[in-house]
PDB file of N, CA and C in Angstrom:
ATOM      1  N   MET A   1      13.947   7.388  13.646  1.00  0.00           N
ATOM      2  CA  MET A   1      12.956   8.700  12.906  1.00  0.00           C
ATOM      3  C   MET A   1      11.467   7.988  12.682  1.00  0.00           C
ATOM      4  N   GLU A   2      10.909   9.204  13.058  1.00  0.00           N
ATOM      5  CA  GLU A   2       8.821   8.002  13.127  1.00  0.00           C
ATOM      6  C   GLU A   2       8.870   8.011  11.817  1.00  0.00           C
ATOM      7  N   ALA A   3       8.340   6.669  11.313  1.00  0.00           N
ATOM      8  CA  ALA A   3       7.665   7.051  10.024  1.00  0.00           C
ATOM      9  C   ALA A   3       6.451   7.715  10.170  1.00  0.00           C
ATOM     10  N   GLY A   4       5.781   8.682   8.700  1.00  0.00           N
ATOM     11  CA  GLY A   4       5.156   8.872   8.629  1.00  0.00           C
ATOM     12  C   GLY A   4       4.249   7.964   8.125  1.00  0.00           C
ATOM     13  N   ILE A   5       2.223   8.756   7.982  1.00  0.00           N
ATOM     14  CA  ILE A   5       1.667   8.024   6.976  1.00  0.00           C
ATOM     15  C   ILE A   5       1.890   7.061   5.677  1.00  0.00           C
ATOM     16  N   ASP A   6       2.635   8.597   5.066  1.00  0.00           N
ATOM     17  CA  ASP A   6       3.102   8.093   3.593  1.00  0.00           C
ATOM     18  C   ASP A   6       3.914   7.178   3.913  1.00  0.00           C
ATOM     19  N   ASP A   7       4.552   7.677   4.537  1.00  0.00           N
ATOM     20  CA  ASP A   7       6.304   6.386   4.685  1.00  0.00           C
ATOM     21  C   ASP A   7       5.574   4.540   4.753  1.00  0.00           C
ATOM     22  N   ILE A   8       4.414   4.624   6.169  1.00  0.00           N
ATOM     23  CA  ILE A   8       3.898   3.385   6.399  1.00  0.00           C
ATOM     24  C   ILE A   8       3.320   2.828   5.014  1.00  0.00           C
ATOM     25  N   LEU A   9       2.113   4.249   3.779  1.00  0.00           N
ATOM     26  CA  LEU A   9       1.431   3.287   3.318  1.00  0.00           C
ATOM     27  C   LEU A   9       2.295   3.531   1.523  1.00  0.00           C
ATOM     28  N   ASP A  10       4.184   3.093   1.991  1.00  0.00           N
ATOM     29  CA  ASP A  10       4.532   2.993   0.889  1.00  0.00           C
ATOM     30  C   ASP A  10       4.883   1.249   0.488  1.00  0.00           C
ATOM     31  N   CYS A  11       5.208   1.127  -0.787  1.00  0.00           N
ATOM     32  CA  CYS A  11       5.413  -0.497  -1.154  1.00  0.00           C
ATOM     33  C   CYS A  11       7.388  -0.169  -0.666  1.00  0.00           C
ATOM     34  N   PRO A  12       7.369  -0.556  -0.269  1.00  0.00           N
ATOM     35  CA  PRO A  12       9.460  -0.562   0.687  1.00  0.00           C
ATOM     36  C   PRO A  12       9.889  -1.957  -1.285  1.00  0.00           C
ATOM     37  N   LEU A  13       9.332  -2.057  -1.838  1.00  0.00           N
ATOM     38  CA  LEU A  13      10.542  -2.706  -2.921  1.00  0.00           C
ATOM     39  C   LEU A  13       9.944  -0.900  -4.144  1.00  0.00           C
ATOM     40  N   CYS A  14       9.042  -0.802  -4.529  1.00  0.00           N
ATOM     41  CA  CYS A  14       9.237   0.120  -5.136  1.00  0.00           C
ATOM     42  C   CYS A  14       9.076   1.509  -5.011  1.00  0.00           C
ATOM     43  N   TYR A  15       8.642   1.765  -3.611  1.00  0.00           N
ATOM     44  CA  TYR A  15       8.475   3.094  -3.395  1.00  0.00           C
ATOM     45  C   TYR A  15       7.537   3.793  -3.294  1.00  0.00           C
ATOM     46  N   MET A  16       6.597   2.803  -3.862  1.00  0.00           N
ATOM     47  CA  MET A  16       5.276   4.672  -4.472  1.00  0.00           C
ATOM     48  C   MET A  16       3.775   3.278  -2.790  1.00  0.00           C
ATOM     49  N   LYS A  17       3.077   4.685  -3.251  1.00  0.00           N
ATOM     50  CA  LYS A  17       2.114   4.378  -2.619  1.00  0.00           C
ATOM     51  C   LYS A  17       1.753   2.907  -2.531  1.00  0.00           C
ATOM     52  N   LEU A  18       1.139   1.895  -1.389  1.00  0.00           N
ATOM     53  CA  LEU A  18       0.849   0.609  -1.687  1.00  0.00           C
ATOM     54  C   LEU A  18      -0.036  -0.179  -3.092  1.00  0.00           C
ATOM     55  N   ALA A  19      -0.283  -0.830  -3.707  1.00  0.00           N
ATOM     56  CA  ALA A  19      -1.346  -0.803  -5.460  1.00  0.00           C
ATOM     57  C   ALA A  19      -1.367  -1.815  -5.243  1.00  0.00           C
ATOM     58  N   ASP A  20      -3.200  -2.516  -4.740  1.00  0.00           N
ATOM     59  CA  ASP A  20      -3.712  -3.391  -4.283  1.00  0.00           C
ATOM     60  C   ASP A  20      -2.150  -4.963  -3.825  1.00  0.00           C
ATOM     61  N   PRO A  21      -2.449  -3.686  -2.761  1.00  0.00           N
ATOM     62  CA  PRO A  21      -1.488  -4.367  -1.176  1.00  0.00           C
ATOM     63  C   PRO A  21      -1.926  -5.825  -1.018  1.00  0.00           C
ATOM     64  N   VAL A  22      -0.565  -6.273  -0.693  1.00  0.00           N
ATOM     65  CA  VAL A  22      -1.586  -7.603   0.159  1.00  0.00           C
ATOM     66  C   VAL A  22       0.635  -8.456   1.125  1.00  0.00           C
ATOM     67  N   SER A  23       0.020  -8.811   1.451  1.00  0.00           N
ATOM     68  CA  SER A  23       0.093  -9.438   3.020  1.00  0.00           C
ATOM     69  C   SER A  23       1.041 -10.623   2.929  1.00  0.00           C
ATOM     70  N   LEU A  24       2.196 -10.196   3.476  1.00  0.00           N
ATOM     71  CA  LEU A  24       2.950 -12.144   4.036  1.00  0.00           C
ATOM     72  C   LEU A  24       2.458 -12.166   4.779  1.00  0.00           C
ATOM     73  N   ASP A  25       2.511 -13.743   5.490  1.00  0.00           N
ATOM     74  CA  ASP A  25       2.904 -14.184   6.518  1.00  0.00           C
ATOM     75  C   ASP A  25       3.289 -13.061   8.154  1.00  0.00           C
ATOM     76  N   CYS A  26       4.296 -12.812   7.578  1.00  0.00           N
ATOM     77  CA  CYS A  26       5.011 -12.291   8.472  1.00  0.00           C
ATOM     78  C   CYS A  26       4.823 -10.602   8.553  1.00  0.00           C
ATOM     79  N   GLY A  27       3.527 -10.220   8.447  1.00  0.00           N
ATOM     80  CA  GLY A  27       3.076  -9.097   8.505  1.00  0.00           C
ATOM     81  C   GLY A  27       3.624  -7.923   7.639  1.00  0.00           C
ATOM     82  N   HIS A  28       5.101  -8.067   6.883  1.00  0.00           N
ATOM     83  CA  HIS A  28       5.108  -7.047   5.881  1.00  0.00           C
ATOM     84  C   HIS A  28       4.127  -6.995   4.672  1.00  0.00           C
ATOM     85  N   THR A  29       3.949  -6.028   4.243  1.00  0.00           N
ATOM     86  CA  THR A  29       2.880  -5.570   2.940  1.00  0.00           C
ATOM     87  C   THR A  29       3.260  -4.929   1.821  1.00  0.00           C
ATOM     88  N   PHE A  30       3.262  -5.552   0.798  1.00  0.00           N
ATOM     89  CA  PHE A  30       4.084  -4.936  -0.294  1.00  0.00           C
ATOM     90  C   PHE A  30       3.011  -5.119  -1.499  1.00  0.00           C
ATOM     91  N   CYS A  31       3.154  -4.462  -2.953  1.00  0.00           N
ATOM     92  CA  CYS A  31       2.199  -3.797  -4.017  1.00  0.00           C
ATOM     93  C   CYS A  31       2.504  -5.307  -4.298  1.00  0.00           C
ATOM     94  N   LYS A  32       1.114  -5.973  -4.870  1.00  0.00           N
ATOM     95  CA  LYS A  32       0.495  -7.091  -6.015  1.00  0.00           C
ATOM     96  C   LYS A  32       2.375  -7.621  -6.865  1.00  0.00           C
ATOM     97  N   ASP A  33       2.367  -6.356  -7.879  1.00  0.00           N
ATOM     98  CA  ASP A  33       3.066  -6.760  -9.141  1.00  0.00           C
ATOM     99  C   ASP A  33       4.086  -6.585  -8.286  1.00  0.00           C
ATOM    100  N   CYS A  34       4.811  -6.222  -7.069  1.00  0.00           N
ATOM    101  CA  CYS A  34       6.069  -6.555  -6.350  1.00  0.00           C
ATOM    102  C   CYS A  34       6.198  -7.244  -6.236  1.00  0.00           C
ATOM    103  N   ILE A  35       5.276  -8.282  -5.748  1.00  0.00           N
ATOM    104  CA  ILE A  35       5.985  -8.968  -4.889  1.00  0.00           C
ATOM    105  C   ILE A  35       6.225 -10.445  -6.233  1.00  0.00           C
ATOM    106  N   LEU A  36       5.000 -10.054  -6.751  1.00  0.00           N
ATOM    107  CA  LEU A  36       5.201 -11.068  -8.128  1.00  0.00           C
ATOM    108  C   LEU A  36       6.097 -11.128  -9.058  1.00  0.00           C
ATOM    109  N   ASP A  37       6.998  -9.710  -8.377  1.00  0.00           N
ATOM    110  CA  ASP A  37       7.839  -8.932  -9.299  1.00  0.00           C
ATOM    111  C   ASP A  37       9.864  -9.663  -8.750  1.00  0.00           C
ATOM    112  N   LEU A  38       8.732  -9.827  -7.095  1.00  0.00           N
ATOM    113  CA  LEU A  38      10.093 -10.639  -6.667  1.00  0.00           C
ATOM    114  C   LEU A  38      10.161 -11.646  -7.096  1.00  0.00           C
ATOM    115  N   GLN A  39       9.261 -12.741  -6.531  1.00  0.00           N
ATOM    116  CA  GLN A  39       8.883 -13.984  -7.017  1.00  0.00           C
ATOM    117  C   GLN A  39       9.758 -14.476  -8.200  1.00  0.00           C
ATOM    118  N   ALA A  40       9.044 -13.641  -9.463  1.00  0.00           N
ATOM    119  CA  ALA A  40       9.753 -14.189 -10.867  1.00  0.00           C
ATOM    120  C   ALA A  40      11.174 -13.698 -10.544  1.00  0.00           C
ATOM    121  N   ALA A  41      11.849 -13.422 -10.460  1.00  0.00           N
ATOM    122  CA  ALA A  41      13.303 -13.018  -9.980  1.00  0.00           C
ATOM    123  C   ALA A  41      14.029 -14.099  -9.402  1.00  0.00           C
ATOM    124  N   ALA A  42      13.406 -14.463  -8.181  1.00  0.00           N
ATOM    125  CA  ALA A  42      13.763 -15.476  -7.393  1.00  0.00           C
ATOM    126  C   ALA A  42      14.320 -17.300  -8.205  1.00  0.00           C
ATOM    127  N   LYS A  43      12.588 -17.251  -9.043  1.00  0.00           N
ATOM    128  CA  LYS A  43      12.662 -18.248 -10.015  1.00  0.00           C
ATOM    129  C   LYS A  43      13.674 -18.076 -11.123  1.00  0.00           C
ATOM    130  N   LYS A  44      14.375 -17.162 -11.791  1.00  0.00           N
ATOM    131  CA  LYS A  44      15.004 -17.149 -12.792  1.00  0.00           C
ATOM    132  C   LYS A  44      15.874 -17.198 -12.312  1.00  0.00           C
ATOM    133  N   PHE A  45      16.678 -16.765 -10.478  1.00  0.00           N
ATOM    134  CA  PHE A  45      17.893 -17.509 -10.085  1.00  0.00           C
ATOM    135  C   PHE A  45      18.161 -19.397  -9.923  1.00  0.00           C
ATOM    136  N   LYS A  46      16.467 -19.884 -10.335  1.00  0.00           N
ATOM    137  CA  LYS A  46      16.697 -20.730  -9.484  1.00  0.00           C
ATOM    138  C   LYS A  46      16.356 -20.805  -7.686  1.00  0.00           C
ATOM    139  N   HIS A  47      15.655 -19.906  -7.666  1.00  0.00           N
ATOM    140  CA  HIS A  47      15.451 -20.300  -6.058  1.00  0.00           C
ATOM    141  C   HIS A  47      14.589 -21.254  -6.079  1.00  0.00           C
ATOM    142  N   LYS A  48      14.142 -22.067  -4.901  1.00  0.00           N
ATOM    143  CA  LYS A  48      12.952 -22.613  -4.734  1.00  0.00           C
ATOM    144  C   LYS A  48      12.304 -22.316  -3.860  1.00  0.00           C
ATOM    145  N   HIS A  49      12.693 -20.212  -3.005  1.00  0.00           N
ATOM    146  CA  HIS A  49      11.268 -20.048  -2.277  1.00  0.00           C
ATOM    147  C   HIS A  49      12.243 -18.561  -2.724  1.00  0.00           C
ATOM    148  N   PHE A  50      11.746 -17.253  -1.981  1.00  0.00           N
ATOM    149  CA  PHE A  50      11.476 -16.233  -2.468  1.00  0.00           C
ATOM    150  C   PHE A  50      12.015 -15.292  -0.899  1.00  0.00           C
ATOM    151  N   ASN A  51      11.843 -14.182  -0.265  1.00  0.00           N
ATOM    152  CA  ASN A  51      12.836 -14.421   0.913  1.00  0.00           C
ATOM    153  C   ASN A  51      11.369 -12.766   1.061  1.00  0.00           C
ATOM    154  N   CYS A  52      11.030 -12.633   2.113  1.00  0.00           N
ATOM    155  CA  CYS A  52      10.299 -11.134   2.189  1.00  0.00           C
ATOM    156  C   CYS A  52      11.796 -10.128   2.478  1.00  0.00           C
ATOM    157  N   THR A  53      11.774  -9.104   2.278  1.00  0.00           N
ATOM    158  CA  THR A  53      12.206  -8.627   2.064  1.00  0.00           C
ATOM    159  C   THR A  53      13.320  -7.544   3.129  1.00  0.00           C
ATOM    160  N   ILE A  54      12.217  -7.365   4.238  1.00  0.00           N
ATOM    161  CA  ILE A  54      12.301  -6.171   5.781  1.00  0.00           C
ATOM    162  C   ILE A  54      12.658  -8.009   6.121  1.00  0.00           C
ATOM    163  N   CYS A  55      12.431  -9.119   6.337  1.00  0.00           N
ATOM    164  CA  CYS A  55      13.251  -9.788   7.872  1.00  0.00           C
ATOM    165  C   CYS A  55      13.051 -10.820   7.716  1.00  0.00           C
ATOM    166  N   MET A  56      13.458 -11.485   5.403  1.00  0.00           N
ATOM    167  CA  MET A  56      14.321 -12.509   5.622  1.00  0.00           C
ATOM    168  C   MET A  56      13.699 -13.570   5.646  1.00  0.00           C
ATOM    169  N   ARG A  57      12.496 -13.590   6.304  1.00  0.00           N
ATOM    170  CA  ARG A  57      11.799 -15.072   6.118  1.00  0.00           C
ATOM    171  C   ARG A  57      11.361 -15.111   4.704  1.00  0.00           C
ATOM    172  N   LYS A  58      11.331 -16.978   4.717  1.00  0.00           N
ATOM    173  CA  LYS A  58      11.213 -17.638   3.436  1.00  0.00           C
ATOM    174  C   LYS A  58      10.045 -18.088   3.201  1.00  0.00           C
ATOM    175  N   TYR A  59       9.366 -18.009   1.767  1.00  0.00           N
ATOM    176  CA  TYR A  59       7.724 -17.954   1.386  1.00  0.00           C
ATOM    177  C   TYR A  59       8.326 -18.943   0.425  1.00  0.00           C
ATOM    178  N   LYS A  60       7.117 -19.634  -0.473  1.00  0.00           N
ATOM    179  CA  LYS A  60       6.686 -20.511  -1.064  1.00  0.00           C
ATOM    180  C   LYS A  60       6.201 -19.681  -2.433  1.00  0.00           C
ATOM    181  N   PHE A  61       6.838 -19.794  -2.987  1.00  0.00           N
ATOM    182  CA  PHE A  61       6.054 -19.307  -4.524  1.00  0.00           C
ATOM    183  C   PHE A  61       4.378 -19.797  -4.703  1.00  0.00           C
ATOM    184  N   ARG A  62       3.742 -18.184  -5.391  1.00  0.00           N
ATOM    185  CA  ARG A  62       2.304 -18.546  -5.566  1.00  0.00           C
ATOM    186  C   ARG A  62       1.920 -17.720  -6.759  1.00  0.00           C
ATOM    187  N   SER A  63       0.911 -18.102  -7.454  1.00  0.00           N
ATOM    188  CA  SER A  63       0.585 -17.804  -8.274  1.00  0.00           C
ATOM    189  C   SER A  63      -0.389 -16.688  -8.266  1.00  0.00           C
ATOM    190  N   SER A  64      -0.228 -15.683  -9.402  1.00  0.00           N
ATOM    191  CA  SER A  64      -1.652 -15.003  -8.928  1.00  0.00           C
ATOM    192  C   SER A  64      -3.039 -14.070  -8.449  1.00  0.00           C
ATOM    193  N   GLU A  65      -3.066 -15.690  -8.702  1.00  0.00           N
ATOM    194  CA  GLU A  65      -5.144 -15.483  -8.194  1.00  0.00           C
ATOM    195  C   GLU A  65      -4.700 -16.182  -6.518  1.00  0.00           C
ATOM    196  N   ASN A  66      -3.273 -16.430  -6.697  1.00  0.00           N
ATOM    197  CA  ASN A  66      -3.281 -17.009  -4.798  1.00  0.00           C
ATOM    198  C   ASN A  66      -2.815 -15.775  -3.993  1.00  0.00           C
ATOM    199  N   TRP A  67      -2.671 -14.960  -4.558  1.00  0.00           N
ATOM    200  CA  TRP A  67      -2.289 -13.270  -3.282  1.00  0.00           C
ATOM    201  C   TRP A  67      -3.904 -12.880  -3.569  1.00  0.00           C
ATOM    202  N   SER A  68      -4.193 -13.067  -2.719  1.00  0.00           N
ATOM    203  CA  SER A  68      -5.441 -12.212  -1.811  1.00  0.00           C
ATOM    204  C   SER A  68      -5.373 -10.706  -1.694  1.00  0.00           C
ATOM    205  N   VAL A  69      -5.789  -9.671  -2.488  1.00  0.00           N
ATOM    206  CA  VAL A  69      -5.627  -7.533  -2.154  1.00  0.00           C
ATOM    207  C   VAL A  69      -6.152  -7.599  -0.700  1.00  0.00           C
ATOM    208  N   CYS A  70      -5.571  -6.552   0.697  1.00  0.00           N
ATOM    209  CA  CYS A  70      -6.109  -5.994   1.693  1.00  0.00           C
ATOM    210  C   CYS A  70      -7.090  -5.247   1.442  1.00  0.00           C
ATOM    211  N   LEU A  71      -8.056  -5.790   1.487  1.00  0.00           N
ATOM    212  CA  LEU A  71      -9.071  -4.873   1.171  1.00  0.00           C
ATOM    213  C   LEU A  71      -8.933  -3.497   2.041  1.00  0.00           C
ATOM    214  N   PRO A  72      -9.046  -3.662   3.184  1.00  0.00           N
ATOM    215  CA  PRO A  72      -8.606  -2.226   4.582  1.00  0.00           C
ATOM    216  C   PRO A  72      -7.575  -1.108   3.810  1.00  0.00           C
ATOM    217  N   VAL A  73      -6.430  -1.977   3.647  1.00  0.00           N
ATOM    218  CA  VAL A  73      -5.434  -1.025   3.311  1.00  0.00           C
ATOM    219  C   VAL A  73      -5.625  -0.453   2.515  1.00  0.00           C
ATOM    220  N   LYS A  74      -6.355  -1.477   1.514  1.00  0.00           N
ATOM    221  CA  LYS A  74      -6.364  -0.048  -0.072  1.00  0.00           C
ATOM    222  C   LYS A  74      -7.150   0.872  -0.814  1.00  0.00           C
ATOM    223  N   GLN A  75      -8.640   1.002   0.832  1.00  0.00           N
ATOM    224  CA  GLN A  75      -9.819   1.320   1.425  1.00  0.00           C
ATOM    225  C   GLN A  75      -9.204   2.371   1.759  1.00  0.00           C
ATOM    226  N   LEU A  76      -8.359   1.629   2.884  1.00  0.00           N
ATOM    227  CA  LEU A  76      -7.266   3.184   3.597  1.00  0.00           C
ATOM    228  C   LEU A  76      -6.292   3.902   2.514  1.00  0.00           C
ATOM    229  N   ILE A  77      -5.849   3.768   1.702  1.00  0.00           N
ATOM    230  CA  ILE A  77      -5.171   4.577   1.121  1.00  0.00           C
ATOM    231  C   ILE A  77      -5.974   5.255   0.202  1.00  0.00           C
ATOM    232  N   GLU A  78      -7.089   4.680  -0.710  1.00  0.00           N
ATOM    233  CA  GLU A  78      -7.847   5.850  -1.477  1.00  0.00           C
ATOM    234  C   GLU A  78      -8.688   6.709  -0.421  1.00  0.00           C
ATOM    235  N   PHE A  79      -8.826   6.412   0.718  1.00  0.00           N
ATOM    236  CA  PHE A  79      -9.474   7.508   1.471  1.00  0.00           C
ATOM    237  C   PHE A  79      -8.270   8.374   2.175  1.00  0.00           C
ATOM    238  N   LEU A  80      -7.209   7.857   2.204  1.00  0.00           N
ATOM    239  CA  LEU A  80      -6.731   8.987   2.605  1.00  0.00           C
ATOM    240  C   LEU A  80      -5.936   9.587   1.413  1.00  0.00           C
ATOM    241  N   THR A  81      -6.080   9.387  -0.071  1.00  0.00           N
ATOM    242  CA  THR A  81      -5.442   9.904  -1.037  1.00  0.00           C
ATOM    243  C   THR A  81      -6.574  10.770  -1.442  1.00  0.00           C
ATOM    244  N   ASP A  82      -7.843  10.878  -1.496  1.00  0.00           N
ATOM    245  CA  ASP A  82      -8.715  11.621  -1.367  1.00  0.00           C
ATOM    246  C   ASP A  82      -8.785  13.065  -0.410  1.00  0.00           C
ATOM    247  N   TYR A  83      -9.075  12.554   0.554  1.00  0.00           N
ATOM    248  CA  TYR A  83      -8.564  13.304   1.633  1.00  0.00           C
ATOM    249  C   TYR A  83      -7.661  14.040   1.864  1.00  0.00           C
ATOM    250  N   LYS A  84      -5.945  13.874   1.410  1.00  0.00           N
ATOM    251  CA  LYS A  84      -5.072  15.361   1.158  1.00  0.00           C
ATOM    252  C   LYS A  84      -5.771  15.614   0.347  1.00  0.00           C
ATOM    253  N   ALA A  85      -6.237  15.261  -1.647  1.00  0.00           N
ATOM    254  CA  ALA A  85      -6.666  16.088  -2.524  1.00  0.00           C
ATOM    255  C   ALA A  85      -7.390  17.048  -2.322  1.00  0.00           C
ATOM    256  N   LYS A  86      -8.442  17.274  -1.141  1.00  0.00           N
ATOM    257  CA  LYS A  86      -9.412  17.512  -0.740  1.00  0.00           C
ATOM    258  C   LYS A  86      -8.823  18.917   0.295  1.00  0.00           C
ATOM    259  N   LYS A  87      -7.826  18.401   1.023  1.00  0.00           N
ATOM    260  CA  LYS A  87      -7.635  19.165   2.039  1.00  0.00           C
ATOM    261  C   LYS A  87      -6.713  20.135   1.267  1.00  0.00           C
ATOM    262  N   ARG A  88      -5.609  20.056   0.328  1.00  0.00           N
ATOM    263  CA  ARG A  88      -4.801  20.750  -0.560  1.00  0.00           C
ATOM    264  C   ARG A  88      -5.893  22.062  -1.175  1.00  0.00           C
ATOM    265  N   LYS A  89      -7.217  21.402  -1.817  1.00  0.00           N
ATOM    266  CA  LYS A  89      -8.013  22.642  -2.460  1.00  0.00           C
ATOM    267  C   LYS A  89      -8.429  23.274  -1.572  1.00  0.00           C
ATOM    268  N   ILE A  90      -8.696  22.446  -0.225  1.00  0.00           N
ATOM    269  CA  ILE A  90      -9.193  23.684   0.659  1.00  0.00           C
ATOM    270  C   ILE A  90      -8.404  25.054   0.979  1.00  0.00           C
ATOM    271  N   GLU A  91      -7.092  24.606   1.751  1.00  0.00           N
ATOM    272  CA  GLU A  91      -5.702  24.873   2.117  1.00  0.00           C
ATOM    273  C   GLU A  91      -5.565  26.263   0.660  1.00  0.00           C
ATOM    274  N   ALA A  92      -5.887  26.328  -0.593  1.00  0.00           N
ATOM    275  CA  ALA A  92      -5.489  26.301  -2.199  1.00  0.00           C
ATOM    276  C   ALA A  92      -6.441  28.187  -1.770  1.00  0.00           C
ATOM    277  N   GLY A  93      -7.334  27.247  -1.051  1.00  0.00           N
ATOM    278  CA  GLY A  93      -8.557  28.930  -1.387  1.00  0.00           C
ATOM    279  C   GLY A  93      -9.604  28.352  -2.556  1.00  0.00           C
ATOM    280  N   TYR A  94      -9.764  26.983  -2.744  1.00  0.00           N
ATOM    281  CA  TYR A  94     -10.426  26.767  -4.418  1.00  0.00           C
ATOM    282  C   TYR A  94     -11.853  26.679  -2.803  1.00  0.00           C
ATOM    283  N   GLU A  95     -13.095  26.354  -3.953  1.00  0.00           N
ATOM    284  CA  GLU A  95     -14.270  26.622  -3.153  1.00  0.00           C
ATOM    285  C   GLU A  95     -14.744  25.140  -3.092  1.00  0.00           C
ATOM    286  N   VAL A  96     -15.515  24.550  -1.831  1.00  0.00           N
ATOM    287  CA  VAL A  96     -15.331  22.506  -1.844  1.00  0.00           C
ATOM    288  C   VAL A  96     -16.521  22.880  -1.185  1.00  0.00           C
ATOM    289  N   ASP A  97     -17.400  21.644  -1.518  1.00  0.00           N
ATOM    290  CA  ASP A  97     -18.999  21.468  -1.201  1.00  0.00           C
ATOM    291  C   ASP A  97     -18.533  20.771  -0.277  1.00  0.00           C
ATOM    292  N   PHE A  98     -18.678  21.266   1.214  1.00  0.00           N
ATOM    293  CA  PHE A  98     -18.233  20.582   2.143  1.00  0.00           C
ATOM    294  C   PHE A  98     -19.388  20.036   2.507  1.00  0.00           C
ATOM    295  N   ASP A  99     -20.706  19.457   2.191  1.00  0.00           N
ATOM    296  CA  ASP A  99     -21.541  18.839   1.298  1.00  0.00           C
ATOM    297  C   ASP A  99     -21.523  17.199   1.804  1.00  0.00           C
ATOM    298  N   ALA A 100     -20.132  17.186   0.343  1.00  0.00           N
ATOM    299  CA  ALA A 100     -19.720  15.874  -0.016  1.00  0.00           C
ATOM    300  C   ALA A 100     -18.653  15.654   1.091  1.00  0.00           C
ATOM    301  N   LEU A 101     -17.928  16.045   1.446  1.00  0.00           N
ATOM    302  CA  LEU A 101     -17.093  15.637   2.209  1.00  0.00           C
ATOM    303  C   LEU A 101     -17.250  14.596   3.493  1.00  0.00           C
ATOM    304  N   PRO A 102     -16.394  13.362   4.128  1.00  0.00           N
ATOM    305  CA  PRO A 102     -17.423  12.826   5.201  1.00  0.00           C
ATOM    306  C   PRO A 102     -17.132  13.639   6.194  1.00  0.00           C
ATOM    307  N   ASP A 103     -17.918  13.012   6.805  1.00  0.00           N
ATOM    308  CA  ASP A 103     -17.629  13.257   8.662  1.00  0.00           C
ATOM    309  C   ASP A 103     -15.957  13.386   8.916  1.00  0.00           C
ATOM    310  N   GLU A 104     -15.892  12.339   8.907  1.00  0.00           N
ATOM    311  CA  GLU A 104     -14.409  12.532   9.555  1.00  0.00           C
ATOM    312  C   GLU A 104     -13.418  13.399   9.053  1.00  0.00           C
ATOM    313  N   ILE A 105     -13.297  13.513   7.866  1.00  0.00           N
ATOM    314  CA  ILE A 105     -13.075  14.688   7.001  1.00  0.00           C
ATOM    315  C   ILE A 105     -13.156  16.012   7.722  1.00  0.00           C
ATOM    316  N   LEU A 106     -14.639  16.112   8.670  1.00  0.00           N
ATOM    317  CA  LEU A 106     -14.924  17.670   8.442  1.00  0.00           C
ATOM    318  C   LEU A 106     -14.485  17.787   9.738  1.00  0.00           C
ATOM    319  N   ASN A 107     -14.773  16.906  10.783  1.00  0.00           N
ATOM    320  CA  ASN A 107     -13.926  16.969  12.064  1.00  0.00           C
ATOM    321  C   ASN A 107     -12.841  16.944  12.914  1.00  0.00           C
ATOM    322  N   SER A 108     -11.885  16.251  11.632  1.00  0.00           N
ATOM    323  CA  SER A 108     -10.597  16.858  11.946  1.00  0.00           C
ATOM    324  C   SER A 108      -9.712  17.833  11.413  1.00  0.00           C
ATOM    325  N   LEU A 109     -10.963  18.405  10.070  1.00  0.00           N
ATOM    326  CA  LEU A 109     -10.319  19.781  10.073  1.00  0.00           C
ATOM    327  C   LEU A 109     -10.124  21.537  10.728  1.00  0.00           C
TER     328      LEU A 109
END
């Protein structure tokens, strides 16, 4: 079964839209808070590392400030969220200021 765009932008730990997305070296992306929670759980059980929950690759612990948010992914999520909200308004028949919509949205309608 193919994943839709909503599934791709969901965190595989909390199943919500990625919030402050961070990526592991294996390429899997999670919410920053979810990764911090995953690390905390591993530390609680006295593990010396934590694993990616998708591919099980091992990683060393990092402090919160050493996780960089993946800005392009965050911006894509924000753009798509705004796009969907504006599209729903259009489909519902609400008046929309088309001059306020980015060209990318207008071209896809």
